[in-house]
Amino acid sequence: MSDQPLDQADRQHDATRDATRDIADVAAVEVIVTAAVHLMSAAAVKCGLSEEDGEQYLDLDEARKLITALAALVTAAAPEIGNQHARSLRDGLRSLQLAFREASPYPDAPGEGPGEKFTGPVS
């Protein structure tokens, strides 16, 4: 009989334990901000704002979903992460909402854009 499956299971267990220990060392604020930055980056690309061939990646349906998720996260997390972090995230969110409006061939009515149910109308 081979020890391979047991060795692989041991390696997976060790990797899981290491990942758990690593994430335990990260402050909640850092996890929240990192998640928000990932949402922002993805939304920017889907709004066609990437440096190279932005139009190639333009997908406003996907951008809407990402911006709405970002707005919900920022709105819910703002009291927990402090004004300094929340302000930066709100600024980035607003920029994305405006970029979405600009990229849209048929802009949403005020208050109906992505994430605006959480942030209010953006102009």
Protein backbone atom coordinates (compact mmCIF):
# COMPACT_ATOMS: atom_id res chain seq x y z
CA MET A 1 0.00 0.00 0.00
CA SER A 2 1.17 3.51 -0.81
CA ASP A 3 1.59 6.32 1.72
CA GLN A 4 0.79 8.91 -0.97
CA PRO A 5 -2.88 9.61 -0.02
CA LEU A 6 -1.95 10.02 3.64
CA ASP A 7 0.98 12.28 2.77
CA GLN A 8 -1.26 14.41 0.55
CA ALA A 9 -3.90 14.63 3.29
CA ASP A 10 -1.22 15.66 5.81
CA ARG A 11 0.06 18.37 3.44
CA GLN A 12 -3.47 19.69 2.90
CA HIS A 13 -4.11 19.73 6.64
CA ASP A 14 -0.83 21.60 7.23
CA ALA A 15 -1.66 24.11 4.49
CA THR A 16 -5.13 24.69 5.96
CA ARG A 17 -3.68 25.15 9.45
CA ASP A 18 -1.09 27.61 8.11
CA ALA A 19 -3.72 29.59 6.20
CA THR A 20 -5.92 29.73 9.29
CA ARG A 21 -3.03 30.95 11.41
CA ASP A 22 -2.11 33.56 8.77
CA ILE A 23 -5.65 34.94 8.52
CA ALA A 24 -5.95 35.00 12.31
CA ASP A 25 -3.05 37.48 12.38
CA VAL A 26 -4.82 39.94 10.04
CA ALA A 27 -6.98 42.68 11.54
CA ALA A 28 -10.62 42.79 10.44
CA VAL A 29 -10.11 46.28 9.01
CA GLU A 30 -7.41 44.93 6.71
CA VAL A 31 -9.62 42.08 5.48
CA ILE A 32 -12.53 44.47 4.80
CA VAL A 33 -10.37 47.03 3.00
CA THR A 34 -8.68 44.31 0.94
CA ALA A 35 -12.04 42.89 -0.12
CA ALA A 36 -13.23 46.39 -1.06
CA VAL A 37 -10.09 47.06 -3.11
CA HIS A 38 -10.60 43.80 -5.01
CA LEU A 39 -14.19 44.78 -5.78
CA MET A 40 -13.02 48.25 -6.87
CA SER A 41 -10.34 46.87 -9.15
CA ALA A 42 -12.70 44.41 -10.80
CA ALA A 43 -15.39 47.07 -11.23
CA ALA A 44 -12.91 49.50 -12.76
CA VAL A 45 -11.89 46.93 -15.36
CA LYS A 46 -15.53 46.09 -16.12
CA CYS A 47 -16.24 49.84 -16.54
CA GLY A 48 -13.56 49.92 -19.25
CA LEU A 49 -11.02 51.81 -17.13
CA SER A 50 -8.07 49.46 -17.56
CA GLU A 51 -4.91 51.05 -18.95
CA GLU A 52 -4.70 48.84 -22.02
CA ASP A 53 -7.67 48.06 -24.26
CA GLY A 54 -10.25 49.14 -21.69
CA GLU A 55 -13.09 48.80 -24.17
CA GLN A 56 -12.22 45.12 -24.61
CA TYR A 57 -13.11 44.42 -20.97
CA LEU A 58 -16.16 46.69 -20.77
CA ASP A 59 -19.07 44.75 -19.25
CA LEU A 60 -21.57 47.06 -17.58
CA ASP A 61 -23.79 44.24 -16.31
CA GLU A 62 -20.85 42.79 -14.39
CA ALA A 63 -19.71 46.27 -13.31
CA ARG A 64 -23.17 47.00 -11.88
CA LYS A 65 -23.02 43.88 -9.71
CA LEU A 66 -19.54 44.65 -8.44
CA ILE A 67 -20.30 48.31 -7.69
CA THR A 68 -23.49 47.38 -5.86
CA ALA A 69 -21.62 44.82 -3.75
CA LEU A 70 -18.92 47.39 -3.04
CA ALA A 71 -21.51 49.99 -2.01
CA ALA A 72 -23.15 47.53 0.38
CA LEU A 73 -19.80 46.59 1.91
CA VAL A 74 -18.60 50.16 2.30
CA THR A 75 -21.91 51.33 3.76
CA ALA A 76 -22.12 48.47 6.23
CA ALA A 77 -18.46 48.53 7.22
CA ALA A 78 -17.93 52.30 7.48
CA PRO A 79 -18.76 52.54 11.20
CA GLU A 80 -16.41 49.65 11.95
CA ILE A 81 -13.36 50.60 9.89
CA GLY A 82 -12.99 54.23 10.88
CA ASN A 83 -13.33 57.48 9.00
CA GLN A 84 -9.91 57.42 7.32
CA HIS A 85 -10.50 54.07 5.61
CA ALA A 86 -14.19 54.71 4.95
CA ARG A 87 -13.54 58.07 3.30
CA SER A 88 -11.06 56.58 0.84
CA LEU A 89 -13.40 53.72 0.00
CA ARG A 90 -16.35 56.09 -0.44
CA ASP A 91 -14.28 58.28 -2.79
CA GLY A 92 -13.31 55.26 -4.89
CA LEU A 93 -16.89 54.02 -4.92
CA ARG A 94 -18.21 57.40 -6.05
CA SER A 95 -15.61 57.53 -8.84
CA LEU A 96 -16.72 54.10 -10.05
CA GLN A 97 -20.38 55.07 -9.93
CA LEU A 98 -19.63 58.14 -12.04
CA ALA A 99 -17.48 56.12 -14.46
CA PHE A 100 -20.32 53.63 -14.83
CA ARG A 101 -22.76 56.44 -15.61
CA GLU A 102 -20.36 57.88 -18.18
CA ALA A 103 -19.75 54.50 -19.84
CA SER A 104 -23.44 53.65 -20.03
CA PRO A 105 -25.15 54.40 -23.34
CA TYR A 106 -28.42 54.86 -21.39
CA PRO A 107 -27.56 56.31 -17.97
CA ASP A 108 -29.77 55.28 -15.05
CA ALA A 109 -32.09 57.80 -13.44
CA PRO A 110 -30.63 59.52 -10.36
CA GLY A 111 -30.81 57.11 -7.44
CA GLU A 112 -31.16 54.08 -9.73
CA GLY A 113 -27.48 53.56 -10.60
CA PRO A 114 -25.34 50.76 -9.23
CA GLY A 115 -25.09 50.92 -5.46
CA GLU A 116 -27.18 54.07 -5.19
CA LYS A 117 -29.77 52.29 -3.05
CA PHE A 118 -27.00 52.20 -0.43
CA THR A 119 -25.27 55.53 -1.10
CA GLY A 120 -28.05 57.72 -2.40
CA PRO A 121 -27.91 59.47 -5.79
CA VAL A 122 -24.46 60.23 -7.15
CA SER A 123 -23.84 63.25 -9.36
